[in-house]
C-alpha atoms as a PDB file:
ATOM      1  CA  UNK A   1      89.634  89.610 119.419  1.00  0.00           C
ATOM      2  CA  UNK A   2      92.928  91.279 120.342  1.00  0.00           C
ATOM      3  CA  UNK A   3      93.626  91.456 124.068  1.00  0.00           C
ATOM      4  CA  UNK A   4      95.501  94.377 125.627  1.00  0.00           C
ATOM      5  CA  UNK A   5      98.827  92.482 125.877  1.00  0.00           C
ATOM      6  CA  UNK A   6      98.741  91.622 122.161  1.00  0.00           C
ATOM      7  CA  UNK A   7      97.729  95.163 121.236  1.00  0.00           C
ATOM      8  CA  UNK A   8     100.618  96.733 123.181  1.00  0.00           C
ATOM      9  CA  UNK A   9     103.125  94.250 121.678  1.00  0.00           C
ATOM     10  CA  UNK A  10     102.341  95.091 118.053  1.00  0.00           C
ATOM     11  CA  UNK A  11     103.852  98.094 116.288  1.00  0.00           C
ATOM     12  CA  UNK A  12     101.815 101.253 115.819  1.00  0.00           C
ATOM     13  CA  UNK A  13     103.062 101.689 112.256  1.00  0.00           C
ATOM     14  CA  UNK A  14     105.296  99.960 109.737  1.00  0.00           C
ATOM     15  CA  UNK A  15     107.176 100.797 106.575  1.00  0.00           C
ATOM     16  CA  UNK A  16     105.596 100.025 103.213  1.00  0.00           C
ATOM     17  CA  UNK A  17     108.045  97.133 102.798  1.00  0.00           C
ATOM     18  CA  UNK A  18     107.060  95.747 106.208  1.00  0.00           C
ATOM     19  CA  UNK A  19     103.384  96.179 105.292  1.00  0.00           C
ATOM     20  CA  UNK A  20     103.959  94.200 102.097  1.00  0.00           C
ATOM     21  CA  UNK A  21     105.528  91.378 104.115  1.00  0.00           C
ATOM     22  CA  UNK A  22     102.722  91.534 106.712  1.00  0.00           C
ATOM     23  CA  UNK A  23     100.055  91.370 103.986  1.00  0.00           C
ATOM     24  CA  UNK A  24     101.849  88.779 101.870  1.00  0.00           C
ATOM     25  CA  UNK A  25     102.151  91.169  98.926  1.00  0.00           C
ATOM     26  CA  UNK A  26     104.967  92.406  96.753  1.00  0.00           C
ATOM     27  CA  UNK A  27     106.285  95.917  97.294  1.00  0.00           C
ATOM     28  CA  UNK A  28     104.948  97.088  93.931  1.00  0.00           C
ATOM     29  CA  UNK A  29     101.435  95.943  94.803  1.00  0.00           C
ATOM     30  CA  UNK A  30     101.643  97.699  98.184  1.00  0.00           C
ATOM     31  CA  UNK A  31     102.725 100.955  96.526  1.00  0.00           C
ATOM     32  CA  UNK A  32      99.959 100.575  93.916  1.00  0.00           C
ATOM     33  CA  UNK A  33      97.373 100.188  96.699  1.00  0.00           C
ATOM     34  CA  UNK A  34      98.632 103.463  98.208  1.00  0.00           C
ATOM     35  CA  UNK A  35      98.706 105.243  94.838  1.00  0.00           C
ATOM     36  CA  UNK A  36      95.149 104.111  94.027  1.00  0.00           C
ATOM     37  CA  UNK A  37      93.902 105.336  97.418  1.00  0.00           C
ATOM     38  CA  UNK A  38      92.895 101.920  98.749  1.00  0.00           C
ATOM     39  CA  UNK A  39      95.614 101.918 101.420  1.00  0.00           C
ATOM     40  CA  UNK A  40      96.253 104.983 103.560  1.00  0.00           C
ATOM     41  CA  UNK A  41      99.870 105.868 104.269  1.00  0.00           C
ATOM     42  CA  UNK A  42     101.395 108.774 106.170  1.00  0.00           C
ATOM     43  CA  UNK A  43     104.678 110.615 105.799  1.00  0.00           C
ATOM     44  CA  UNK A  44     106.908 111.037 108.842  1.00  0.00           C
ATOM     45  CA  UNK A  45     109.940 113.026 107.773  1.00  0.00           C
ATOM     46  CA  UNK A  46     111.238 111.129 104.747  1.00  0.00           C
ATOM     47  CA  UNK A  47     109.570 107.813 105.669  1.00  0.00           C
ATOM     48  CA  UNK A  48     106.255 106.527 104.384  1.00  0.00           C
ATOM     49  CA  UNK A  49     104.433 104.526 107.034  1.00  0.00           C
ATOM     50  CA  UNK A  50     101.248 102.479 107.229  1.00  0.00           C
ATOM     51  CA  UNK A  51      99.570 102.373 110.632  1.00  0.00           C
ATOM     52  CA  UNK A  52      98.377  99.022 111.941  1.00  0.00           C
ATOM     53  CA  UNK A  53      94.848 100.397 112.043  1.00  0.00           C
ATOM     54  CA  UNK A  54      95.044 101.365 108.354  1.00  0.00           C
ATOM     55  CA  UNK A  55      96.626  98.007 107.449  1.00  0.00           C
ATOM     56  CA  UNK A  56      93.826  96.121 109.199  1.00  0.00           C
ATOM     57  CA  UNK A  57      91.143  98.355 107.625  1.00  0.00           C
ATOM     58  CA  UNK A  58      92.674  97.734 104.188  1.00  0.00           C
ATOM     59  CA  UNK A  59      92.546  93.979 104.755  1.00  0.00           C
ATOM     60  CA  UNK A  60      88.928  94.094 105.945  1.00  0.00           C
ATOM     61  CA  UNK A  61      87.935  96.184 102.912  1.00  0.00           C
ATOM     62  CA  UNK A  62      89.281  93.700 100.359  1.00  0.00           C
ATOM     63  CA  UNK A  63      86.683  91.563  98.581  1.00  0.00           C
ATOM     64  CA  UNK A  64      86.251  87.983  99.678  1.00  0.00           C
ATOM     65  CA  UNK A  65      87.209  85.204  97.284  1.00  0.00           C
ATOM     66  CA  UNK A  66      83.550  84.621  96.390  1.00  0.00           C
ATOM     67  CA  UNK A  67      82.971  88.342  95.695  1.00  0.00           C
ATOM     68  CA  UNK A  68      86.107  88.603  93.576  1.00  0.00           C
ATOM     69  CA  UNK A  69      85.222  85.475  91.603  1.00  0.00           C
ATOM     70  CA  UNK A  70      81.663  86.652  90.874  1.00  0.00           C
ATOM     71  CA  UNK A  71      82.993  90.022  89.615  1.00  0.00           C
ATOM     72  CA  UNK A  72      85.426  88.195  87.363  1.00  0.00           C
ATOM     73  CA  UNK A  73      82.800  85.827  85.977  1.00  0.00           C
ATOM     74  CA  UNK A  74      80.293  88.618  85.316  1.00  0.00           C
ATOM     75  CA  UNK A  75      82.869  90.535  83.301  1.00  0.00           C
ATOM     76  CA  UNK A  76      84.032  87.509  81.326  1.00  0.00           C
ATOM     77  CA  UNK A  77      82.790  86.703  77.851  1.00  0.00           C
ATOM     78  CA  UNK A  78      81.126  83.295  77.728  1.00  0.00           C
END
């Protein structure tokens, strides 16, 4: 659980490059997530930003390792 001091210390939004670093992804993958509609981004002037709320929601929405593995196995030819 995030306490109020931690919440006020974190940024409200970050660039796509900063999001990629935060999430441990490459920039291309981050942009693909936006393009595919899985990650919400907003435009502020010429900048594209990802809010912390949207970044956290994106992370929560990703499949767990077990879910991802079972999807992969079901689609595989055995």
